[in-house]
Amino acid sequence: MKNDIENTAKGYQDLIDEVEKDQIKIIEELKYVLTGVVGGRQLSEQEYQCFIERAVDKNKFEDIGLNLGISESAAKTYYQRAIKKLEAEATRVTLRLKRK
């Protein structure tokens, strides 16, 4: 009987631990989403377009420049500015899991 109770308690604790791990992952993913939403508002149209084409579409800077009618070096500059602004925003977005 004692072993059954201990096994049940261990099973519940394992479940709680697994749920907490999932919560931590969800909070980290939410942090990235919020960073994108908040940071995206800080980007100029050119920075936003360069970021999307490079980070999401995986385009080369040469192709980004052609698509946007700007030089390759300008595409790199806009992308780097976008990254800096998003990184700055990421340090401001903090979410913490409340522990009992």
PDB file of N, CA and C in Angstrom:
ATOM      1  N   MET A   1       0.832  -1.197   0.000  1.00  0.00           N
ATOM      2  CA  MET A   1       0.000   0.000   0.000  1.00  0.00           C
ATOM      3  C   MET A   1       0.874   1.258   0.000  1.00  0.00           C
ATOM      4  N   LYS A   2       1.931   1.260   0.851  1.00  0.00           N
ATOM      5  CA  LYS A   2       2.823   2.407   0.921  1.00  0.00           C
ATOM      6  C   LYS A   2       3.531   2.619  -0.419  1.00  0.00           C
ATOM      7  N   ASN A   3       3.973   1.532  -1.057  1.00  0.00           N
ATOM      8  CA  ASN A   3       4.629   1.635  -2.363  1.00  0.00           C
ATOM      9  C   ASN A   3       3.690   2.188  -3.421  1.00  0.00           C
ATOM     10  N   ASP A   4       2.419   1.782  -3.373  1.00  0.00           N
ATOM     11  CA  ASP A   4       1.440   2.295  -4.322  1.00  0.00           C
ATOM     12  C   ASP A   4       1.276   3.805  -4.177  1.00  0.00           C
ATOM     13  N   ILE A   5       1.208   4.265  -2.945  1.00  0.00           N
ATOM     14  CA  ILE A   5       1.060   5.704  -2.681  1.00  0.00           C
ATOM     15  C   ILE A   5       2.306   6.449  -3.153  1.00  0.00           C
ATOM     16  N   GLU A   6       3.485   5.895  -2.859  1.00  0.00           N
ATOM     17  CA  GLU A   6       4.727   6.533  -3.283  1.00  0.00           C
ATOM     18  C   GLU A   6       4.832   6.566  -4.811  1.00  0.00           C
ATOM     19  N   ASN A   7       4.437   5.484  -5.468  1.00  0.00           N
ATOM     20  CA  ASN A   7       4.474   5.438  -6.928  1.00  0.00           C
ATOM     21  C   ASN A   7       3.500   6.434  -7.540  1.00  0.00           C
ATOM     22  N   THR A   8       2.319   6.545  -6.936  1.00  0.00           N
ATOM     23  CA  THR A   8       1.327   7.504  -7.413  1.00  0.00           C
ATOM     24  C   THR A   8       1.848   8.928  -7.227  1.00  0.00           C
ATOM     25  N   ALA A   9       2.429   9.202  -6.062  1.00  0.00           N
ATOM     26  CA  ALA A   9       2.974  10.536  -5.783  1.00  0.00           C
ATOM     27  C   ALA A   9       4.097  10.862  -6.767  1.00  0.00           C
ATOM     28  N   LYS A  10       4.970   9.907  -7.030  1.00  0.00           N
ATOM     29  CA  LYS A  10       6.057  10.116  -7.987  1.00  0.00           C
ATOM     30  C   LYS A  10       5.499  10.377  -9.378  1.00  0.00           C
ATOM     31  N   GLY A  11       4.463   9.641  -9.751  1.00  0.00           N
ATOM     32  CA  GLY A  11       3.825   9.854 -11.052  1.00  0.00           C
ATOM     33  C   GLY A  11       3.257  11.253 -11.176  1.00  0.00           C
ATOM     34  N   TYR A  12       2.607  11.735 -10.120  1.00  0.00           N
ATOM     35  CA  TYR A  12       2.061  13.093 -10.131  1.00  0.00           C
ATOM     36  C   TYR A  12       3.179  14.130 -10.206  1.00  0.00           C
ATOM     37  N   GLN A  13       4.249  13.899  -9.450  1.00  0.00           N
ATOM     38  CA  GLN A  13       5.373  14.842  -9.472  1.00  0.00           C
ATOM     39  C   GLN A  13       6.019  14.878 -10.849  1.00  0.00           C
ATOM     40  N   ASP A  14       6.166  13.722 -11.476  1.00  0.00           N
ATOM     41  CA  ASP A  14       6.722  13.668 -12.831  1.00  0.00           C
ATOM     42  C   ASP A  14       5.840  14.451 -13.803  1.00  0.00           C
ATOM     43  N   LEU A  15       4.525  14.315 -13.648  1.00  0.00           N
ATOM     44  CA  LEU A  15       3.586  15.046 -14.493  1.00  0.00           C
ATOM     45  C   LEU A  15       3.708  16.552 -14.269  1.00  0.00           C
ATOM     46  N   ILE A  16       3.792  16.959 -13.026  1.00  0.00           N
ATOM     47  CA  ILE A  16       3.951  18.381 -12.692  1.00  0.00           C
ATOM     48  C   ILE A  16       5.239  18.923 -13.288  1.00  0.00           C
ATOM     49  N   ASP A  17       6.330  18.154 -13.169  1.00  0.00           N
ATOM     50  CA  ASP A  17       7.616  18.576 -13.729  1.00  0.00           C
ATOM     51  C   ASP A  17       7.532  18.743 -15.243  1.00  0.00           C
ATOM     52  N   GLU A  18       6.856  17.824 -15.905  1.00  0.00           N
ATOM     53  CA  GLU A  18       6.705  17.883 -17.360  1.00  0.00           C
ATOM     54  C   GLU A  18       5.876  19.094 -17.782  1.00  0.00           C
ATOM     55  N   VAL A  19       4.823  19.379 -17.041  1.00  0.00           N
ATOM     56  CA  VAL A  19       3.977  20.545 -17.342  1.00  0.00           C
ATOM     57  C   VAL A  19       4.780  21.831 -17.157  1.00  0.00           C
ATOM     58  N   GLU A  20       5.591  21.901 -16.111  1.00  0.00           N
ATOM     59  CA  GLU A  20       6.410  23.090 -15.884  1.00  0.00           C
ATOM     60  C   GLU A  20       7.411  23.294 -17.020  1.00  0.00           C
ATOM     61  N   LYS A  21       7.998  22.209 -17.510  1.00  0.00           N
ATOM     62  CA  LYS A  21       8.920  22.314 -18.649  1.00  0.00           C
ATOM     63  C   LYS A  21       8.196  22.851 -19.868  1.00  0.00           C
ATOM     64  N   ASP A  22       6.985  22.359 -20.108  1.00  0.00           N
ATOM     65  CA  ASP A  22       6.195  22.838 -21.242  1.00  0.00           C
ATOM     66  C   ASP A  22       5.850  24.313 -21.079  1.00  0.00           C
ATOM     67  N   GLN A  23       5.523  24.730 -19.865  1.00  0.00           N
ATOM     68  CA  GLN A  23       5.196  26.129 -19.611  1.00  0.00           C
ATOM     69  C   GLN A  23       6.395  27.022 -19.895  1.00  0.00           C
ATOM     70  N   ILE A  24       7.565  26.578 -19.510  1.00  0.00           N
ATOM     71  CA  ILE A  24       8.782  27.356 -19.755  1.00  0.00           C
ATOM     72  C   ILE A  24       9.015  27.503 -21.252  1.00  0.00           C
ATOM     73  N   LYS A  25       8.824  26.431 -22.004  1.00  0.00           N
ATOM     74  CA  LYS A  25       8.978  26.496 -23.465  1.00  0.00           C
ATOM     75  C   LYS A  25       7.969  27.459 -24.070  1.00  0.00           C
ATOM     76  N   ILE A  26       6.736  27.389 -23.619  1.00  0.00           N
ATOM     77  CA  ILE A  26       5.683  28.268 -24.139  1.00  0.00           C
ATOM     78  C   ILE A  26       6.015  29.725 -23.846  1.00  0.00           C
ATOM     79  N   ILE A  27       6.486  30.001 -22.649  1.00  0.00           N
ATOM     80  CA  ILE A  27       6.836  31.374 -22.282  1.00  0.00           C
ATOM     81  C   ILE A  27       7.987  31.889 -23.141  1.00  0.00           C
ATOM     82  N   GLU A  28       8.974  31.051 -23.408  1.00  0.00           N
ATOM     83  CA  GLU A  28      10.079  31.463 -24.281  1.00  0.00           C
ATOM     84  C   GLU A  28       9.581  31.766 -25.687  1.00  0.00           C
ATOM     85  N   GLU A  29       8.711  30.919 -26.210  1.00  0.00           N
ATOM     86  CA  GLU A  29       8.156  31.156 -27.545  1.00  0.00           C
ATOM     87  C   GLU A  29       7.313  32.428 -27.556  1.00  0.00           C
ATOM     88  N   LEU A  30       6.544  32.647 -26.520  1.00  0.00           N
ATOM     89  CA  LEU A  30       5.734  33.853 -26.418  1.00  0.00           C
ATOM     90  C   LEU A  30       6.621  35.092 -26.370  1.00  0.00           C
ATOM     91  N   LYS A  31       7.732  34.994 -25.674  1.00  0.00           N
ATOM     92  CA  LYS A  31       8.677  36.111 -25.608  1.00  0.00           C
ATOM     93  C   LYS A  31       9.150  36.493 -27.005  1.00  0.00           C
ATOM     94  N   TYR A  32       9.482  35.490 -27.825  1.00  0.00           N
ATOM     95  CA  TYR A  32       9.928  35.778 -29.183  1.00  0.00           C
ATOM     96  C   TYR A  32       8.815  36.395 -30.013  1.00  0.00           C
ATOM     97  N   VAL A  33       7.598  35.907 -29.847  1.00  0.00           N
ATOM     98  CA  VAL A  33       6.469  36.470 -30.591  1.00  0.00           C
ATOM     99  C   VAL A  33       6.235  37.919 -30.181  1.00  0.00           C
ATOM    100  N   LEU A  34       6.237  38.170 -28.879  1.00  0.00           N
ATOM    101  CA  LEU A  34       6.030  39.537 -28.398  1.00  0.00           C
ATOM    102  C   LEU A  34       7.152  40.461 -28.837  1.00  0.00           C
ATOM    103  N   THR A  35       8.369  39.953 -28.843  1.00  0.00           N
ATOM    104  CA  THR A  35       9.495  40.744 -29.325  1.00  0.00           C
ATOM    105  C   THR A  35       9.258  41.157 -30.770  1.00  0.00           C
ATOM    106  N   GLY A  36       8.790  40.207 -31.572  1.00  0.00           N
ATOM    107  CA  GLY A  36       8.508  40.510 -32.972  1.00  0.00           C
ATOM    108  C   GLY A  36       7.400  41.521 -33.139  1.00  0.00           C
ATOM    109  N   VAL A  37       6.349  41.372 -32.351  1.00  0.00           N
ATOM    110  CA  VAL A  37       5.212  42.292 -32.453  1.00  0.00           C
ATOM    111  C   VAL A  37       5.623  43.692 -32.013  1.00  0.00           C
ATOM    112  N   VAL A  38       6.238  43.776 -30.844  1.00  0.00           N
ATOM    113  CA  VAL A  38       6.632  45.078 -30.313  1.00  0.00           C
ATOM    114  C   VAL A  38       7.757  45.671 -31.147  1.00  0.00           C
ATOM    115  N   GLY A  39       8.761  44.855 -31.445  1.00  0.00           N
ATOM    116  CA  GLY A  39       9.899  45.336 -32.224  1.00  0.00           C
ATOM    117  C   GLY A  39       9.514  45.708 -33.632  1.00  0.00           C
ATOM    118  N   GLY A  40       8.577  44.966 -34.203  1.00  0.00           N
ATOM    119  CA  GLY A  40       8.148  45.248 -35.559  1.00  0.00           C
ATOM    120  C   GLY A  40       7.596  46.651 -35.721  1.00  0.00           C
ATOM    121  N   ARG A  41       7.008  47.172 -34.685  1.00  0.00           N
ATOM    122  CA  ARG A  41       6.471  48.533 -34.728  1.00  0.00           C
ATOM    123  C   ARG A  41       7.587  49.573 -34.773  1.00  0.00           C
ATOM    124  N   GLN A  42       8.786  49.161 -34.331  1.00  0.00           N
ATOM    125  CA  GLN A  42       9.926  50.079 -34.291  1.00  0.00           C
ATOM    126  C   GLN A  42      10.661  50.146 -35.630  1.00  0.00           C
ATOM    127  N   LEU A  43      10.362  49.218 -36.533  1.00  0.00           N
ATOM    128  CA  LEU A  43      11.092  49.130 -37.791  1.00  0.00           C
ATOM    129  C   LEU A  43      10.470  50.033 -38.857  1.00  0.00           C
ATOM    130  N   SER A  44      11.356  50.610 -39.656  1.00  0.00           N
ATOM    131  CA  SER A  44      10.864  51.343 -40.830  1.00  0.00           C
ATOM    132  C   SER A  44      10.375  50.316 -41.849  1.00  0.00           C
ATOM    133  N   GLU A  45       9.684  50.782 -42.863  1.00  0.00           N
ATOM    134  CA  GLU A  45       9.181  49.868 -43.897  1.00  0.00           C
ATOM    135  C   GLU A  45      10.337  49.123 -44.578  1.00  0.00           C
ATOM    136  N   GLN A  46      11.417  49.820 -44.877  1.00  0.00           N
ATOM    137  CA  GLN A  46      12.577  49.189 -45.530  1.00  0.00           C
ATOM    138  C   GLN A  46      13.219  48.153 -44.607  1.00  0.00           C
ATOM    139  N   GLU A  47      13.374  48.494 -43.331  1.00  0.00           N
ATOM    140  CA  GLU A  47      13.955  47.551 -42.373  1.00  0.00           C
ATOM    141  C   GLU A  47      13.085  46.305 -42.255  1.00  0.00           C
ATOM    142  N   TYR A  48      11.790  46.517 -42.171  1.00  0.00           N
ATOM    143  CA  TYR A  48      10.857  45.405 -42.050  1.00  0.00           C
ATOM    144  C   TYR A  48      10.934  44.492 -43.275  1.00  0.00           C
ATOM    145  N   GLN A  49      10.888  45.080 -44.475  1.00  0.00           N
ATOM    146  CA  GLN A  49      10.923  44.287 -45.698  1.00  0.00           C
ATOM    147  C   GLN A  49      12.234  43.511 -45.823  1.00  0.00           C
ATOM    148  N   CYS A  50      13.343  44.167 -45.520  1.00  0.00           N
ATOM    149  CA  CYS A  50      14.646  43.485 -45.593  1.00  0.00           C
ATOM    150  C   CYS A  50      14.709  42.350 -44.581  1.00  0.00           C
ATOM    151  N   PHE A  51      14.202  42.607 -43.388  1.00  0.00           N
ATOM    152  CA  PHE A  51      14.219  41.565 -42.361  1.00  0.00           C
ATOM    153  C   PHE A  51      13.384  40.365 -42.794  1.00  0.00           C
ATOM    154  N   ILE A  52      12.177  40.606 -43.267  1.00  0.00           N
ATOM    155  CA  ILE A  52      11.295  39.509 -43.679  1.00  0.00           C
ATOM    156  C   ILE A  52      11.912  38.725 -44.830  1.00  0.00           C
ATOM    157  N   GLU A  53      12.413  39.430 -45.825  1.00  0.00           N
ATOM    158  CA  GLU A  53      12.989  38.729 -46.976  1.00  0.00           C
ATOM    159  C   GLU A  53      14.221  37.918 -46.599  1.00  0.00           C
ATOM    160  N   ARG A  54      15.005  38.412 -45.660  1.00  0.00           N
ATOM    161  CA  ARG A  54      16.219  37.684 -45.262  1.00  0.00           C
ATOM    162  C   ARG A  54      15.905  36.587 -44.243  1.00  0.00           C
ATOM    163  N   ALA A  55      15.229  36.931 -43.165  1.00  0.00           N
ATOM    164  CA  ALA A  55      15.014  35.990 -42.062  1.00  0.00           C
ATOM    165  C   ALA A  55      13.944  34.944 -42.368  1.00  0.00           C
ATOM    166  N   VAL A  56      12.893  35.361 -43.032  1.00  0.00           N
ATOM    167  CA  VAL A  56      11.772  34.449 -43.290  1.00  0.00           C
ATOM    168  C   VAL A  56      11.931  33.756 -44.635  1.00  0.00           C
ATOM    169  N   ASP A  57      12.160  34.563 -45.677  1.00  0.00           N
ATOM    170  CA  ASP A  57      12.231  34.008 -47.027  1.00  0.00           C
ATOM    171  C   ASP A  57      13.614  33.470 -47.388  1.00  0.00           C
ATOM    172  N   LYS A  58      14.618  33.786 -46.572  1.00  0.00           N
ATOM    173  CA  LYS A  58      16.005  33.315 -46.774  1.00  0.00           C
ATOM    174  C   LYS A  58      16.610  33.805 -48.088  1.00  0.00           C
ATOM    175  N   ASN A  59      16.221  35.005 -48.514  1.00  0.00           N
ATOM    176  CA  ASN A  59      16.762  35.575 -49.748  1.00  0.00           C
ATOM    177  C   ASN A  59      18.165  36.125 -49.526  1.00  0.00           C
ATOM    178  N   LYS A  60      18.954  36.156 -50.579  1.00  0.00           N
ATOM    179  CA  LYS A  60      20.286  36.773 -50.547  1.00  0.00           C
ATOM    180  C   LYS A  60      20.097  38.286 -50.572  1.00  0.00           C
ATOM    181  N   PHE A  61      21.098  38.998 -50.019  1.00  0.00           N
ATOM    182  CA  PHE A  61      21.001  40.466 -49.995  1.00  0.00           C
ATOM    183  C   PHE A  61      20.931  41.043 -51.408  1.00  0.00           C
ATOM    184  N   GLU A  62      21.622  40.430 -52.321  1.00  0.00           N
ATOM    185  CA  GLU A  62      21.568  40.884 -53.713  1.00  0.00           C
ATOM    186  C   GLU A  62      20.131  40.817 -54.235  1.00  0.00           C
ATOM    187  N   ASP A  63      19.459  39.708 -53.961  1.00  0.00           N
ATOM    188  CA  ASP A  63      18.066  39.546 -54.408  1.00  0.00           C
ATOM    189  C   ASP A  63      17.121  40.493 -53.682  1.00  0.00           C
ATOM    190  N   ILE A  64      17.383  40.704 -52.410  1.00  0.00           N
ATOM    191  CA  ILE A  64      16.548  41.634 -51.636  1.00  0.00           C
ATOM    192  C   ILE A  64      16.656  43.032 -52.237  1.00  0.00           C
ATOM    193  N   GLY A  65      17.891  43.431 -52.539  1.00  0.00           N
ATOM    194  CA  GLY A  65      18.104  44.738 -53.156  1.00  0.00           C
ATOM    195  C   GLY A  65      17.350  44.875 -54.464  1.00  0.00           C
ATOM    196  N   LEU A  66      17.424  43.837 -55.294  1.00  0.00           N
ATOM    197  CA  LEU A  66      16.703  43.874 -56.569  1.00  0.00           C
ATOM    198  C   LEU A  66      15.199  43.956 -56.356  1.00  0.00           C
ATOM    199  N   ASN A  67      14.684  43.164 -55.416  1.00  0.00           N
ATOM    200  CA  ASN A  67      13.242  43.159 -55.139  1.00  0.00           C
ATOM    201  C   ASN A  67      12.732  44.512 -54.642  1.00  0.00           C
ATOM    202  N   LEU A  68      13.569  45.191 -53.851  1.00  0.00           N
ATOM    203  CA  LEU A  68      13.130  46.452 -53.238  1.00  0.00           C
ATOM    204  C   LEU A  68      13.625  47.684 -53.986  1.00  0.00           C
ATOM    205  N   GLY A  69      14.415  47.468 -55.026  1.00  0.00           N
ATOM    206  CA  GLY A  69      14.928  48.597 -55.797  1.00  0.00           C
ATOM    207  C   GLY A  69      15.988  49.388 -55.057  1.00  0.00           C
ATOM    208  N   ILE A  70      16.786  48.690 -54.245  1.00  0.00           N
ATOM    209  CA  ILE A  70      17.875  49.335 -53.503  1.00  0.00           C
ATOM    210  C   ILE A  70      19.149  48.539 -53.753  1.00  0.00           C
ATOM    211  N   SER A  71      20.271  49.072 -53.310  1.00  0.00           N
ATOM    212  CA  SER A  71      21.532  48.370 -53.510  1.00  0.00           C
ATOM    213  C   SER A  71      21.662  47.211 -52.522  1.00  0.00           C
ATOM    214  N   GLU A  72      22.560  46.305 -52.821  1.00  0.00           N
ATOM    215  CA  GLU A  72      22.828  45.183 -51.924  1.00  0.00           C
ATOM    216  C   GLU A  72      23.316  45.687 -50.568  1.00  0.00           C
ATOM    217  N   SER A  73      24.205  46.690 -50.593  1.00  0.00           N
ATOM    218  CA  SER A  73      24.725  47.216 -49.322  1.00  0.00           C
ATOM    219  C   SER A  73      23.627  47.899 -48.515  1.00  0.00           C
ATOM    220  N   ALA A  74      22.691  48.557 -49.189  1.00  0.00           N
ATOM    221  CA  ALA A  74      21.566  49.175 -48.477  1.00  0.00           C
ATOM    222  C   ALA A  74      20.686  48.101 -47.839  1.00  0.00           C
ATOM    223  N   ALA A  75      20.473  47.002 -48.559  1.00  0.00           N
ATOM    224  CA  ALA A  75      19.686  45.886 -48.003  1.00  0.00           C
ATOM    225  C   ALA A  75      20.354  45.345 -46.749  1.00  0.00           C
ATOM    226  N   LYS A  76      21.672  45.193 -46.776  1.00  0.00           N
ATOM    227  CA  LYS A  76      22.414  44.722 -45.599  1.00  0.00           C
ATOM    228  C   LYS A  76      22.260  45.693 -44.440  1.00  0.00           C
ATOM    229  N   THR A  77      22.381  46.980 -44.749  1.00  0.00           N
ATOM    230  CA  THR A  77      22.272  48.008 -43.706  1.00  0.00           C
ATOM    231  C   THR A  77      20.892  47.997 -43.068  1.00  0.00           C
ATOM    232  N   TYR A  78      19.831  47.951 -43.878  1.00  0.00           N
ATOM    233  CA  TYR A  78      18.473  47.916 -43.338  1.00  0.00           C
ATOM    234  C   TYR A  78      18.248  46.661 -42.496  1.00  0.00           C
ATOM    235  N   TYR A  79      18.770  45.544 -42.963  1.00  0.00           N
ATOM    236  CA  TYR A  79      18.628  44.283 -42.215  1.00  0.00           C
ATOM    237  C   TYR A  79      19.344  44.387 -40.865  1.00  0.00           C
ATOM    238  N   GLN A  80      20.569  44.898 -40.872  1.00  0.00           N
ATOM    239  CA  GLN A  80      21.335  45.023 -39.625  1.00  0.00           C
ATOM    240  C   GLN A  80      20.650  45.976 -38.641  1.00  0.00           C
ATOM    241  N   ARG A  81      20.080  47.045 -39.144  1.00  0.00           N
ATOM    242  CA  ARG A  81      19.330  47.966 -38.276  1.00  0.00           C
ATOM    243  C   ARG A  81      18.126  47.262 -37.654  1.00  0.00           C
ATOM    244  N   ALA A  82      17.436  46.469 -38.475  1.00  0.00           N
ATOM    245  CA  ALA A  82      16.271  45.732 -37.971  1.00  0.00           C
ATOM    246  C   ALA A  82      16.681  44.772 -36.863  1.00  0.00           C
ATOM    247  N   ILE A  83      17.767  44.053 -37.084  1.00  0.00           N
ATOM    248  CA  ILE A  83      18.259  43.104 -36.076  1.00  0.00           C
ATOM    249  C   ILE A  83      18.595  43.832 -34.781  1.00  0.00           C
ATOM    250  N   LYS A  84      19.275  44.957 -34.877  1.00  0.00           N
ATOM    251  CA  LYS A  84      19.640  45.718 -33.672  1.00  0.00           C
ATOM    252  C   LYS A  84      18.400  46.171 -32.902  1.00  0.00           C
ATOM    253  N   LYS A  85      17.404  46.648 -33.637  1.00  0.00           N
ATOM    254  CA  LYS A  85      16.174  47.102 -32.971  1.00  0.00           C
ATOM    255  C   LYS A  85      15.435  45.926 -32.321  1.00  0.00           C
ATOM    256  N   LEU A  86      15.382  44.800 -32.999  1.00  0.00           N
ATOM    257  CA  LEU A  86      14.711  43.627 -32.431  1.00  0.00           C
ATOM    258  C   LEU A  86      15.469  43.084 -31.229  1.00  0.00           C
ATOM    259  N   GLU A  87      16.793  43.083 -31.299  1.00  0.00           N
ATOM    260  CA  GLU A  87      17.591  42.637 -30.150  1.00  0.00           C
ATOM    261  C   GLU A  87      17.372  43.542 -28.945  1.00  0.00           C
ATOM    262  N   ALA A  88      17.312  44.849 -29.187  1.00  0.00           N
ATOM    263  CA  ALA A  88      17.075  45.791 -28.091  1.00  0.00           C
ATOM    264  C   ALA A  88      15.712  45.543 -27.464  1.00  0.00           C
ATOM    265  N   GLU A  89      14.737  45.253 -28.292  1.00  0.00           N
ATOM    266  CA  GLU A  89      13.389  44.982 -27.802  1.00  0.00           C
ATOM    267  C   GLU A  89      13.354  43.668 -27.032  1.00  0.00           C
ATOM    268  N   ALA A  90      14.105  42.686 -27.493  1.00  0.00           N
ATOM    269  CA  ALA A  90      14.112  41.369 -26.846  1.00  0.00           C
ATOM    270  C   ALA A  90      14.609  41.462 -25.416  1.00  0.00           C
ATOM    271  N   THR A  91      15.523  42.371 -25.137  1.00  0.00           N
ATOM    272  CA  THR A  91      16.020  42.509 -23.772  1.00  0.00           C
ATOM    273  C   THR A  91      14.982  43.145 -22.865  1.00  0.00           C
ATOM    274  N   ARG A  92      13.998  43.832 -23.453  1.00  0.00           N
ATOM    275  CA  ARG A  92      12.948  44.481 -22.654  1.00  0.00           C
ATOM    276  C   ARG A  92      11.761  43.572 -22.374  1.00  0.00           C
ATOM    277  N   VAL A  93      11.560  42.595 -23.231  1.00  0.00           N
ATOM    278  CA  VAL A  93      10.417  41.695 -23.071  1.00  0.00           C
ATOM    279  C   VAL A  93      10.820  40.591 -22.123  1.00  0.00           C
ATOM    280  N   THR A  94      10.215  40.577 -20.949  1.00  0.00           N
ATOM    281  CA  THR A  94      10.518  39.525 -19.985  1.00  0.00           C
ATOM    282  C   THR A  94       9.225  38.924 -19.467  1.00  0.00           C
ATOM    283  N   LEU A  95       9.174  37.639 -19.480  1.00  0.00           N
ATOM    284  CA  LEU A  95       8.046  36.906 -18.932  1.00  0.00           C
ATOM    285  C   LEU A  95       8.618  35.877 -17.978  1.00  0.00           C
ATOM    286  N   ARG A  96       8.002  35.746 -16.849  1.00  0.00           N
ATOM    287  CA  ARG A  96       8.515  34.778 -15.880  1.00  0.00           C
ATOM    288  C   ARG A  96       7.387  33.861 -15.456  1.00  0.00           C
ATOM    289  N   LEU A  97       7.754  32.625 -15.280  1.00  0.00           N
ATOM    290  CA  LEU A  97       6.819  31.627 -14.784  1.00  0.00           C
ATOM    291  C   LEU A  97       6.765  31.770 -13.272  1.00  0.00           C
ATOM    292  N   LYS A  98       5.557  31.961 -12.745  1.00  0.00           N
ATOM    293  CA  LYS A  98       5.406  32.068 -11.295  1.00  0.00           C
ATOM    294  C   LYS A  98       5.522  30.693 -10.690  1.00  0.00           C
ATOM    295  N   ARG A  99       6.353  30.573  -9.702  1.00  0.00           N
ATOM    296  CA  ARG A  99       6.524  29.305  -8.998  1.00  0.00           C
ATOM    297  C   ARG A  99       5.972  29.438  -7.597  1.00  0.00           C
ATOM    298  N   LYS A 100       5.384  28.378  -7.164  1.00  0.00           N
ATOM    299  CA  LYS A 100       4.784  28.386  -5.818  1.00  0.00           C
ATOM    300  C   LYS A 100       5.811  28.050  -4.777  1.00  0.00           C
TER     301      LYS A 100
END
